[in-house]
Amino acid sequence: MSEMQTVNDVAGVAKELTFPDKAFINGRFVAAASGKTLPTTNPATGEKLADLAACDVTDVNAAVDAARTAFDNGIWSQLPPGERKAALLKLAERMEQEADSLAVLESLDSGKPVSECLAVDVPETIHIIRWYAEAIDKLYDHSAPVGSSAMALVVREPIGVVGCVLPWNFPLLMLAWKIGPALAAGCSVIVKPAEQTSLTSLRVAELAFESGVPAGVLNIVTGSGKEVGEPVGLHNDIDMVSFTGSTVTGRRFLRYAADSNLKKVVLECGGKNPALVFDDADDLDSVAEQVLNGAFWNMGENCSATSRLLVQEGIKDQLLARIAEKVSYWSMGNPLDPQHNLGTMISAEHFSKVSGYLDTARKEGLNIIQGGETENGIYVQPTIIDGVTPASALFQEEIFGPVLCITTFKTEAEAIALANDTPYGLAASVYTGKLNRAIRVSRAVRAGTVTVNCFGEGDATTPFGGYKQSGFGGRDKSAFAFDQYTELKTIWIDVPDAV
């Protein structure tokens, strides 16, 4: 357990940090070939943390060359599974030893509350790395039932060189969701972290190398989407790209694949996720807590955030009364103070987007029953808006901030129709005391993850991804993630009759 209990404890750890400022290619830190840099700042204060390498296509090419060489020579891809497992377990151990430093680094770089980084992001990242390490020697190939005249083997092989393009909202966790199965499968990896949040990815790559992951196997190329993400998407020697981010950018990666080598593409994109609360829900106090957690966790900067509360008319007032009692728990302030659980928006640009939806609510005459204001730079108050109709932008568009929109319904059929009335289909929650209804509604809502009487995303064992414009091509997490980082090969062996 961390010994950081106060803001002074956190400040002491922060003072000792060294900020990595170069790309990590072929086992060492290197400046961008152009010599250019880009600043990364603490969104809570505007203070510059480091000048990162502003990489471009030249650096992407160098990383791909290193990754391809490492893959082809088999230094990782053909390493016995037990040895790959040992290296990843060592990485998890090293990260555990540096948990406090990683949590503070993540908070400084992203504006996330350090309390959340300590309680969720860092331990879950370590758990994911460890889970995939343990899975390495527990995935079996198959033989097909072809009769006695032949033997047919169906085997998995690592797909090759993988590009992983990360979002800024969960820098460490999304890194683990992608490099965990990719490295476990034997792939070589190029990671393009979000330009706003690159620091923890760089440190993890260094720790991986020190833990026994060979040079060239895990590379971090920092820079903008235009200068790094696009060359990754278009590179003819990258075999597969896994992307998490906006639906708009996800579309670009499909185009990049079509315009290059038809590389595999896996997309985890946006969400407009409903919580459906029926009048037979057992415990409205618990429902209120779960809904608020879904809406405000990570400042609502979460693809699976509960952004729409669909509540049956008869219990709306009771539920809102309980929500009003509990919303004060969501204290907002300095992310480095462990007493706060709401930090800043990631950037001034994103703050402008989120606060623009508050302006839209006022223009539409909606009832802002909680929050609705901004504070101290780029903080957005936890906000609850009532009377939101399907015609409103607040019902249809991903806000990606701490904003919960309320819509009422009369019948189960209407609730399902409202839940599905969006281009997205990432996550949903159903609150009911009736088992049959829970099953019926969970099946009817078109979303990749549906939780019952709770908010969540499952755990390492469950796949995560979406329907419709929320996802494409595969899933993160679980053993199913190996499907996207491996190729299936059939080996057919003729067995002639004995003479």
Protein backbone atom coordinates (compact mmCIF):
# COMPACT_ATOMS: atom_id res chain seq x y z
CA MET A 1 0.00 0.00 0.00
CA SER A 2 1.23 3.49 -0.80
CA GLU A 3 2.46 5.68 2.02
CA MET A 4 1.33 8.81 0.18
CA GLN A 5 -1.54 10.18 2.27
CA THR A 6 -1.20 13.96 1.93
CA VAL A 7 -0.39 16.49 -0.74
CA ASN A 8 3.01 16.97 0.89
CA ASP A 9 3.76 13.26 0.58
CA VAL A 10 2.92 13.43 -3.11
CA ALA A 11 4.99 16.59 -3.58
CA GLY A 12 7.97 14.79 -2.06
CA VAL A 13 7.69 11.99 -4.64
CA ALA A 14 7.18 14.51 -7.45
CA LYS A 15 10.36 16.37 -6.48
CA GLU A 16 12.42 13.21 -7.03
CA LEU A 17 11.00 12.42 -10.48
CA THR A 18 13.06 12.55 -13.64
CA PHE A 19 10.95 13.22 -16.71
CA PRO A 20 11.88 11.16 -19.78
CA ASP A 21 12.04 13.48 -22.80
CA LYS A 22 13.25 11.33 -25.71
CA ALA A 23 11.76 8.58 -27.84
CA PHE A 24 12.64 4.99 -26.93
CA ILE A 25 13.79 3.13 -30.05
CA ASN A 26 15.80 -0.08 -30.27
CA GLY A 27 16.49 -0.24 -26.55
CA ARG A 28 17.67 3.33 -25.95
CA PHE A 29 16.41 6.85 -25.58
CA VAL A 30 16.99 8.95 -28.71
CA ALA A 31 16.15 12.47 -29.79
CA ALA A 32 13.93 13.02 -32.81
CA ALA A 33 15.95 12.81 -36.02
CA SER A 34 14.84 16.35 -36.84
CA GLY A 35 15.95 17.63 -33.45
CA LYS A 36 12.47 19.08 -32.91
CA THR A 37 10.68 18.97 -29.57
CA LEU A 38 7.20 19.55 -28.24
CA PRO A 39 6.30 20.58 -24.69
CA THR A 40 4.28 18.41 -22.35
CA THR A 41 2.64 20.27 -19.50
CA ASN A 42 0.83 19.68 -16.24
CA PRO A 43 -2.79 20.54 -17.17
CA ALA A 44 -3.61 21.51 -13.59
CA THR A 45 -0.99 24.27 -13.47
CA GLY A 46 0.14 24.88 -17.05
CA GLU A 47 3.72 24.18 -15.92
CA LYS A 48 5.96 22.60 -18.54
CA LEU A 49 7.20 19.19 -17.43
CA ALA A 50 9.50 18.35 -20.33
CA ASP A 51 10.28 19.00 -23.98
CA LEU A 52 9.54 15.69 -25.67
CA ALA A 53 11.03 14.42 -28.90
CA ALA A 54 8.75 15.59 -31.70
CA CYS A 55 9.18 12.57 -33.93
CA ASP A 56 8.12 12.20 -37.55
CA VAL A 57 8.16 9.62 -40.32
CA THR A 58 11.94 9.24 -40.11
CA ASP A 59 11.70 8.13 -36.50
CA VAL A 60 8.72 5.89 -37.24
CA ASN A 61 10.78 4.21 -39.97
CA ALA A 62 13.66 3.69 -37.53
CA ALA A 63 11.33 2.15 -34.94
CA VAL A 64 9.73 -0.14 -37.54
CA ASP A 65 13.15 -1.24 -38.80
CA ALA A 66 14.21 -2.08 -35.25
CA ALA A 67 10.94 -3.90 -34.56
CA ARG A 68 11.10 -5.87 -37.81
CA THR A 69 14.71 -6.89 -37.23
CA ALA A 70 13.89 -8.04 -33.71
CA PHE A 71 10.86 -9.96 -34.94
CA ASP A 72 12.61 -11.65 -37.84
CA ASN A 73 15.67 -12.72 -35.86
CA GLY A 74 13.38 -14.37 -33.31
CA ILE A 75 15.00 -12.84 -30.25
CA TRP A 76 11.49 -12.41 -28.77
CA SER A 77 9.05 -13.94 -31.24
CA GLN A 78 10.74 -17.37 -31.06
CA LEU A 79 11.78 -17.17 -27.43
CA PRO A 80 10.39 -20.08 -25.40
CA PRO A 81 7.07 -19.04 -23.83
CA GLY A 82 8.40 -19.47 -20.32
CA GLU A 83 11.19 -16.96 -20.98
CA ARG A 84 8.80 -14.35 -22.36
CA LYS A 85 6.63 -14.96 -19.33
CA ALA A 86 9.56 -14.40 -16.97
CA ALA A 87 10.45 -11.09 -18.61
CA LEU A 88 6.88 -9.74 -18.37
CA LEU A 89 6.55 -10.89 -14.77
CA LYS A 90 9.78 -9.07 -14.03
CA LEU A 91 8.33 -5.95 -15.67
CA ALA A 92 5.24 -6.19 -13.45
CA GLU A 93 7.49 -6.54 -10.41
CA ARG A 94 9.54 -3.48 -11.38
CA MET A 95 6.39 -1.45 -11.92
CA GLU A 96 5.12 -2.53 -8.52
CA GLN A 97 8.33 -1.27 -6.95
CA GLU A 98 7.83 2.10 -8.66
CA ALA A 99 4.07 2.33 -8.16
CA ASP A 100 4.14 5.65 -6.29
CA SER A 101 6.42 7.28 -8.85
CA LEU A 102 4.32 6.02 -11.76
CA ALA A 103 1.12 7.28 -10.10
CA VAL A 104 2.54 10.77 -9.52
CA LEU A 105 4.01 10.88 -13.03
CA GLU A 106 0.62 9.90 -14.48
CA SER A 107 -1.19 12.53 -12.40
CA LEU A 108 1.23 15.31 -13.31
CA ASP A 109 1.05 14.51 -17.02
CA SER A 110 -2.73 14.02 -17.31
CA GLY A 111 -4.46 16.00 -14.56
CA LYS A 112 -5.91 12.76 -13.18
CA PRO A 113 -6.37 12.63 -9.40
CA VAL A 114 -3.35 10.92 -7.86
CA SER A 115 -5.76 9.01 -5.61
CA GLU A 116 -7.27 7.33 -8.69
CA CYS A 117 -3.85 6.62 -10.16
CA LEU A 118 -2.83 4.93 -6.90
CA ALA A 119 -6.06 3.00 -6.39
CA VAL A 120 -6.91 2.00 -9.96
CA ASP A 121 -4.63 2.93 -12.85
CA VAL A 122 -1.27 1.72 -11.61
CA PRO A 123 -2.39 -1.50 -9.86
CA GLU A 124 -4.69 -2.44 -12.76
CA THR A 125 -1.87 -1.79 -15.25
CA ILE A 126 0.41 -4.11 -13.28
CA HIS A 127 -2.36 -6.71 -13.03
CA ILE A 128 -2.93 -6.67 -16.81
CA ILE A 129 0.79 -7.13 -17.55
CA ARG A 130 0.96 -9.98 -15.03
CA TRP A 131 -2.25 -11.60 -16.35
CA TYR A 132 -0.95 -11.74 -19.93
CA ALA A 133 2.43 -12.98 -18.73
CA GLU A 134 0.69 -15.86 -16.97
CA ALA A 135 -1.42 -16.56 -20.08
CA ILE A 136 1.61 -17.09 -22.32
CA ASP A 137 2.10 -20.78 -21.52
CA LYS A 138 -1.58 -21.58 -21.06
CA LEU A 139 -2.88 -21.01 -24.60
CA TYR A 140 -3.03 -24.25 -26.53
CA ASP A 141 -3.14 -24.78 -30.27
CA HIS A 142 -5.63 -27.22 -31.82
CA SER A 143 -5.87 -30.21 -34.05
CA ALA A 144 -8.79 -30.63 -36.44
CA PRO A 145 -10.81 -33.90 -36.64
CA VAL A 146 -9.79 -34.92 -40.19
CA GLY A 147 -9.62 -38.68 -39.87
CA SER A 148 -6.73 -41.13 -39.86
CA SER A 149 -5.36 -40.30 -43.31
CA ALA A 150 -4.03 -36.89 -42.26
CA MET A 151 -3.23 -34.71 -39.28
CA ALA A 152 -4.34 -31.08 -39.29
CA LEU A 153 -2.79 -28.68 -36.81
CA VAL A 154 -4.24 -25.21 -36.24
CA VAL A 155 -1.58 -23.05 -34.63
CA ARG A 156 -1.24 -19.42 -33.58
CA GLU A 157 1.74 -17.37 -34.67
CA PRO A 158 2.53 -13.76 -33.71
CA ILE A 159 1.24 -11.40 -36.36
CA GLY A 160 4.52 -9.49 -36.60
CA VAL A 161 5.10 -5.79 -36.08
CA VAL A 162 2.26 -4.06 -34.28
CA GLY A 163 1.44 -0.35 -34.01
CA CYS A 164 -0.40 0.71 -30.83
CA VAL A 165 -1.94 4.19 -30.82
CA LEU A 166 -3.02 5.32 -27.36
CA PRO A 167 -5.49 7.87 -25.99
CA TRP A 168 -4.72 10.45 -23.32
CA ASN A 169 -7.39 9.52 -20.78
CA PHE A 170 -5.84 6.30 -19.41
CA PRO A 171 -2.22 6.39 -20.56
CA LEU A 172 -0.93 3.51 -18.45
CA LEU A 173 -3.98 1.27 -18.60
CA MET A 174 -4.39 1.54 -22.36
CA LEU A 175 -0.67 0.87 -22.79
CA ALA A 176 -1.09 -2.35 -20.79
CA TRP A 177 -4.28 -3.39 -22.61
CA LYS A 178 -2.31 -3.34 -25.86
CA ILE A 179 1.30 -4.27 -25.13
CA GLY A 180 0.24 -7.01 -22.67
CA PRO A 181 -1.26 -9.36 -25.28
CA ALA A 182 0.97 -8.11 -28.11
CA LEU A 183 4.20 -8.87 -26.26
CA ALA A 184 2.80 -12.08 -24.78
CA ALA A 185 1.98 -13.27 -28.31
CA GLY A 186 5.57 -12.64 -29.43
CA CYS A 187 5.02 -9.50 -31.48
CA SER A 188 7.32 -6.50 -31.76
CA VAL A 189 5.57 -3.24 -30.91
CA ILE A 190 5.70 0.45 -31.79
CA VAL A 191 3.65 2.58 -29.38
CA LYS A 192 2.47 6.06 -30.28
CA PRO A 193 1.29 7.56 -26.97
CA ALA A 194 -0.98 10.59 -26.97
CA GLU A 195 1.17 13.68 -27.33
CA GLN A 196 -0.37 15.09 -24.13
CA THR A 197 0.51 12.01 -22.01
CA SER A 198 3.70 10.27 -23.08
CA LEU A 199 5.75 10.18 -19.89
CA THR A 200 4.58 6.94 -18.28
CA SER A 201 4.80 4.99 -21.55
CA LEU A 202 8.43 6.02 -21.88
CA ARG A 203 9.21 4.92 -18.34
CA VAL A 204 7.46 1.57 -18.79
CA ALA A 205 9.45 0.90 -21.98
CA GLU A 206 12.67 1.55 -20.10
CA LEU A 207 11.59 -0.79 -17.30
CA ALA A 208 10.62 -3.45 -19.87
CA PHE A 209 14.07 -3.32 -21.45
CA GLU A 210 15.71 -3.57 -18.03
CA SER A 211 13.43 -6.55 -17.27
CA GLY A 212 14.59 -8.57 -20.25
CA VAL A 213 12.43 -7.44 -23.19
CA PRO A 214 15.07 -7.21 -25.95
CA ALA A 215 16.02 -4.08 -27.87
CA GLY A 216 13.66 -3.34 -30.74
CA VAL A 217 10.75 -5.31 -29.28
CA LEU A 218 9.06 -2.37 -27.50
CA ASN A 219 9.52 1.09 -29.00
CA ILE A 220 7.86 4.38 -28.00
CA VAL A 221 7.65 7.08 -30.67
CA THR A 222 6.42 10.40 -29.31
CA GLY A 223 4.82 13.17 -31.36
CA SER A 224 1.63 14.35 -32.96
CA GLY A 225 -1.03 12.36 -34.73
CA LYS A 226 -0.13 13.89 -38.07
CA GLU A 227 3.62 13.32 -37.75
CA VAL A 228 3.62 9.93 -36.02
CA GLY A 229 0.13 8.38 -36.00
CA GLU A 230 -0.41 8.77 -39.73
CA PRO A 231 2.97 7.25 -40.71
CA VAL A 232 2.23 4.33 -38.40
CA GLY A 233 -1.13 3.82 -40.09
CA LEU A 234 0.36 4.03 -43.57
CA HIS A 235 3.54 2.02 -42.99
CA ASN A 236 3.77 -1.00 -45.27
CA ASP A 237 5.88 -2.99 -42.81
CA ILE A 238 3.49 -2.72 -39.87
CA ASP A 239 1.21 -5.76 -39.86
CA MET A 240 -1.51 -4.56 -37.51
CA VAL A 241 -2.63 -1.40 -35.70
CA SER A 242 -4.61 -1.27 -32.47
CA PHE A 243 -6.14 2.17 -31.88
CA THR A 244 -8.10 3.64 -28.99
CA GLY A 245 -9.48 7.15 -29.40
CA SER A 246 -12.14 9.12 -31.20
CA THR A 247 -14.37 7.66 -33.88
CA VAL A 248 -13.24 10.39 -36.27
CA THR A 249 -9.60 9.34 -35.96
CA GLY A 250 -10.53 5.67 -36.02
CA ARG A 251 -12.00 6.14 -39.49
CA ARG A 252 -8.65 7.49 -40.64
CA PHE A 253 -6.87 4.30 -39.64
CA LEU A 254 -9.23 2.26 -41.78
CA ARG A 255 -8.35 4.54 -44.69
CA TYR A 256 -4.64 4.25 -43.93
CA ALA A 257 -4.93 0.46 -44.03
CA ALA A 258 -6.75 0.60 -47.37
CA ASP A 259 -4.14 2.97 -48.79
CA SER A 260 -1.17 0.86 -47.65
CA ASN A 261 -0.79 -2.87 -47.05
CA LEU A 262 -4.31 -3.78 -45.85
CA LYS A 263 -2.93 -4.19 -42.35
CA LYS A 264 -5.34 -5.43 -39.73
CA VAL A 265 -6.97 -2.61 -37.74
CA VAL A 266 -8.67 -2.86 -34.36
CA LEU A 267 -10.58 0.19 -33.16
CA GLU A 268 -11.95 1.05 -29.73
CA CYS A 269 -13.68 4.38 -30.16
CA GLY A 270 -16.29 6.54 -28.49
CA GLY A 271 -19.36 5.82 -26.43
CA LYS A 272 -22.62 7.42 -25.34
CA ASN A 273 -23.40 5.00 -22.61
CA PRO A 274 -26.77 4.68 -20.84
CA ALA A 275 -27.69 3.60 -17.34
CA LEU A 276 -31.24 2.21 -17.43
CA VAL A 277 -32.88 2.41 -13.99
CA PHE A 278 -36.22 0.62 -13.62
CA ASP A 279 -38.79 1.18 -10.89
CA ASP A 280 -38.09 -2.29 -9.48
CA ALA A 281 -34.43 -1.51 -8.73
CA ASP A 282 -33.64 -2.90 -5.27
CA ASP A 283 -31.43 -0.26 -3.65
CA LEU A 284 -31.63 3.32 -4.93
CA ASP A 285 -28.79 4.41 -2.64
CA SER A 286 -26.50 1.92 -4.35
CA VAL A 287 -27.87 2.90 -7.78
CA ALA A 288 -27.10 6.55 -7.08
CA GLU A 289 -23.53 5.72 -6.07
CA GLN A 290 -22.95 3.53 -9.12
CA VAL A 291 -24.44 6.06 -11.55
CA LEU A 292 -22.32 8.89 -10.15
CA ASN A 293 -19.21 6.73 -10.28
CA GLY A 294 -19.95 5.90 -13.90
CA ALA A 295 -20.53 9.55 -14.78
CA PHE A 296 -17.71 11.27 -12.90
CA TRP A 297 -14.88 8.74 -12.56
CA ASN A 298 -11.80 10.09 -14.35
CA MET A 299 -13.67 13.39 -14.80
CA GLY A 300 -15.97 11.66 -17.28
CA GLU A 301 -13.01 11.40 -19.67
CA ASN A 302 -13.82 7.77 -20.25
CA CYS A 303 -15.19 6.04 -23.35
CA SER A 304 -17.46 3.88 -21.19
CA ALA A 305 -18.62 6.72 -18.90
CA THR A 306 -22.29 6.74 -17.90
CA SER A 307 -23.24 9.89 -19.76
CA ARG A 308 -27.00 9.19 -20.00
CA LEU A 309 -29.26 8.31 -17.08
CA LEU A 310 -32.50 6.76 -18.36
CA VAL A 311 -34.84 6.50 -15.37
CA GLN A 312 -38.41 5.20 -15.14
CA GLU A 313 -40.83 8.03 -14.36
CA GLY A 314 -42.18 6.68 -11.08
CA ILE A 315 -38.83 6.68 -9.27
CA LYS A 316 -37.12 9.67 -10.84
CA ASP A 317 -37.64 12.02 -7.90
CA GLN A 318 -36.51 9.42 -5.36
CA LEU A 319 -33.36 8.64 -7.33
CA LEU A 320 -32.47 12.28 -7.92
CA ALA A 321 -32.86 12.98 -4.19
CA ARG A 322 -30.33 10.26 -3.40
CA ILE A 323 -27.99 11.49 -6.13
CA ALA A 324 -28.17 15.00 -4.64
CA GLU A 325 -27.13 13.58 -1.26
CA LYS A 326 -24.10 11.79 -2.66
CA VAL A 327 -22.73 14.17 -5.27
CA SER A 328 -20.72 16.10 -2.66
CA TYR A 329 -18.38 13.12 -2.44
CA TRP A 330 -16.99 14.16 -5.82
CA SER A 331 -14.63 16.84 -4.59
CA MET A 332 -12.68 18.74 -7.22
CA GLY A 333 -9.27 20.34 -6.89
CA ASN A 334 -5.50 19.88 -7.09
CA PRO A 335 -4.98 16.41 -8.62
CA LEU A 336 -1.89 15.90 -6.45
CA ASP A 337 -4.00 16.13 -3.29
CA PRO A 338 -5.13 12.57 -2.40
CA GLN A 339 -8.30 14.03 -0.85
CA HIS A 340 -9.66 15.01 -4.28
CA ASN A 341 -11.22 12.61 -6.76
CA LEU A 342 -11.88 15.04 -9.61
CA GLY A 343 -9.02 16.73 -11.42
CA THR A 344 -8.76 18.94 -14.50
CA MET A 345 -9.68 18.45 -18.09
CA ILE A 346 -6.69 17.25 -20.11
CA SER A 347 -6.16 20.51 -22.00
CA ALA A 348 -7.56 23.96 -22.69
CA GLU A 349 -8.85 22.67 -26.04
CA HIS A 350 -10.78 19.83 -24.43
CA PHE A 351 -12.00 22.12 -21.64
CA SER A 352 -13.48 24.37 -24.34
CA LYS A 353 -15.29 21.41 -25.90
CA VAL A 354 -16.80 20.21 -22.61
CA SER A 355 -17.77 23.67 -21.40
CA GLY A 356 -19.39 24.24 -24.80
CA TYR A 357 -21.90 21.51 -23.98
CA LEU A 358 -22.81 23.41 -20.80
CA ASP A 359 -23.55 26.42 -23.00
CA THR A 360 -25.66 24.18 -25.25
CA ALA A 361 -27.68 23.02 -22.23
CA ARG A 362 -28.46 26.63 -21.32
CA LYS A 363 -29.39 27.52 -24.89
CA GLU A 364 -31.75 24.54 -25.03
CA GLY A 365 -33.36 25.60 -21.76
CA LEU A 366 -32.46 22.37 -19.99
CA ASN A 367 -32.57 22.09 -16.21
CA ILE A 368 -29.05 22.10 -14.75
CA ILE A 369 -29.70 20.64 -11.31
CA GLN A 370 -26.08 20.26 -10.24
CA GLY A 371 -22.88 22.08 -11.21
CA GLY A 372 -22.82 23.50 -14.71
CA GLU A 373 -19.95 25.90 -14.02
CA THR A 374 -16.19 25.95 -14.56
CA GLU A 375 -13.52 26.85 -12.04
CA ASN A 376 -9.87 27.84 -11.71
CA GLY A 377 -8.58 27.38 -15.22
CA ILE A 378 -9.71 24.14 -16.86
CA TYR A 379 -11.77 22.48 -14.12
CA VAL A 380 -15.39 21.54 -14.92
CA GLN A 381 -17.79 21.02 -12.04
CA PRO A 382 -19.55 17.65 -11.84
CA THR A 383 -22.76 18.46 -13.67
CA ILE A 384 -26.24 16.88 -13.82
CA ILE A 385 -28.71 18.04 -16.47
CA ASP A 386 -32.39 17.05 -16.47
CA GLY A 387 -34.93 17.03 -19.29
CA VAL A 388 -32.54 15.93 -22.05
CA THR A 389 -34.41 14.64 -25.12
CA PRO A 390 -33.12 12.42 -27.93
CA ALA A 391 -33.06 15.47 -30.22
CA SER A 392 -30.45 17.18 -28.05
CA ALA A 393 -26.73 17.12 -28.83
CA LEU A 394 -26.23 16.21 -25.19
CA PHE A 395 -28.13 12.95 -25.78
CA GLN A 396 -26.37 12.00 -29.03
CA GLU A 397 -22.79 13.28 -28.82
CA GLU A 398 -19.91 12.11 -26.66
CA ILE A 399 -19.14 14.92 -24.20
CA PHE A 400 -16.13 13.25 -22.53
CA GLY A 401 -16.47 15.31 -19.38
CA PRO A 402 -18.19 15.11 -15.96
CA VAL A 403 -21.70 15.64 -17.33
CA LEU A 404 -24.66 13.35 -16.62
CA CYS A 405 -27.79 13.81 -18.76
CA ILE A 406 -31.20 12.62 -17.50
CA THR A 407 -34.07 11.32 -19.62
CA THR A 408 -37.21 9.58 -18.35
CA PHE A 409 -39.09 6.62 -19.83
CA LYS A 410 -42.40 4.86 -19.18
CA THR A 411 -41.93 1.28 -20.40
CA GLU A 412 -39.19 -1.28 -20.84
CA ALA A 413 -39.53 -1.09 -24.61
CA GLU A 414 -39.10 2.68 -24.52
CA ALA A 415 -36.03 2.36 -22.31
CA ILE A 416 -34.39 -0.05 -24.75
CA ALA A 417 -35.24 2.19 -27.70
CA LEU A 418 -33.71 5.21 -25.95
CA ALA A 419 -30.61 3.25 -24.98
CA ASN A 420 -30.04 2.20 -28.60
CA ASP A 421 -30.84 5.62 -30.08
CA THR A 422 -27.19 6.56 -30.62
CA PRO A 423 -24.47 5.81 -33.18
CA TYR A 424 -22.40 4.26 -30.40
CA GLY A 425 -22.58 0.92 -28.60
CA LEU A 426 -19.73 0.60 -26.15
CA ALA A 427 -21.22 0.09 -22.68
CA ALA A 428 -24.45 0.21 -20.69
CA SER A 429 -25.74 -0.50 -17.19
CA VAL A 430 -29.09 -2.00 -16.19
CA TYR A 431 -30.56 -1.54 -12.70
CA THR A 432 -33.46 -3.82 -11.82
CA GLY A 433 -34.52 -6.26 -9.14
CA LYS A 434 -35.98 -8.73 -11.66
CA LEU A 435 -33.66 -11.35 -13.10
CA ASN A 436 -35.75 -11.89 -16.23
CA ARG A 437 -35.74 -8.16 -16.98
CA ALA A 438 -32.00 -7.95 -16.39
CA ILE A 439 -31.39 -10.70 -18.94
CA ARG A 440 -33.93 -9.37 -21.45
CA VAL A 441 -32.65 -5.81 -21.39
CA SER A 442 -28.96 -6.81 -21.35
CA ARG A 443 -29.53 -8.81 -24.51
CA ALA A 444 -31.56 -6.07 -26.19
CA VAL A 445 -29.12 -3.19 -25.59
CA ARG A 446 -26.57 -3.06 -28.40
CA ALA A 447 -23.36 -2.55 -26.46
CA GLY A 448 -20.15 -4.49 -26.02
CA THR A 449 -20.33 -4.51 -22.21
CA VAL A 450 -23.56 -4.46 -20.19
CA THR A 451 -23.32 -4.45 -16.41
CA VAL A 452 -26.24 -5.30 -14.12
CA ASN A 453 -26.81 -3.33 -10.91
CA CYS A 454 -23.32 -1.85 -11.10
CA PHE A 455 -21.03 0.26 -13.24
CA GLY A 456 -17.87 -1.31 -14.58
CA GLU A 457 -15.91 -2.76 -17.47
CA GLY A 458 -15.40 -6.30 -16.23
CA ASP A 459 -11.83 -7.33 -15.43
CA ALA A 460 -8.77 -8.73 -17.20
CA THR A 461 -10.66 -11.92 -18.10
CA THR A 462 -13.46 -10.17 -20.03
CA PRO A 463 -13.25 -8.64 -23.52
CA PHE A 464 -13.80 -4.91 -23.96
CA GLY A 465 -14.98 -3.21 -27.15
CA GLY A 466 -18.08 -1.95 -28.83
CA TYR A 467 -20.85 -2.26 -31.38
CA LYS A 468 -21.60 0.20 -34.19
CA GLN A 469 -19.29 3.22 -34.25
CA SER A 470 -17.74 2.32 -30.91
CA GLY A 471 -15.58 -0.47 -32.22
CA PHE A 472 -14.21 -2.49 -35.08
CA GLY A 473 -12.09 -5.55 -35.69
CA GLY A 474 -11.51 -7.02 -32.25
CA ARG A 475 -11.48 -6.57 -28.50
CA ASP A 476 -9.08 -5.41 -25.82
CA LYS A 477 -8.51 -7.52 -22.67
CA SER A 478 -9.11 -11.23 -22.04
CA ALA A 479 -7.83 -14.19 -24.05
CA PHE A 480 -9.84 -12.88 -27.01
CA ALA A 481 -7.30 -10.07 -27.43
CA PHE A 482 -4.82 -12.67 -28.70
CA ASP A 483 -7.00 -13.05 -31.79
CA GLN A 484 -5.87 -9.66 -33.08
CA TYR A 485 -2.15 -10.09 -32.33
CA THR A 486 -1.85 -13.55 -33.88
CA GLU A 487 -2.41 -15.27 -37.20
CA LEU A 488 -4.00 -18.72 -37.48
CA LYS A 489 -2.07 -21.21 -39.55
CA THR A 490 -3.25 -24.64 -40.70
CA ILE A 491 -0.53 -27.29 -41.04
CA TRP A 492 -1.84 -30.31 -42.95
CA ILE A 493 0.18 -33.50 -42.70
CA ASP A 494 -0.66 -36.38 -44.99
CA VAL A 495 -0.54 -39.80 -43.30
CA PRO A 496 -0.49 -42.46 -46.05
CA ASP A 497 -1.60 -46.00 -45.40
CA ALA A 498 1.10 -48.41 -44.31
CA VAL A 499 2.49 -50.58 -47.08
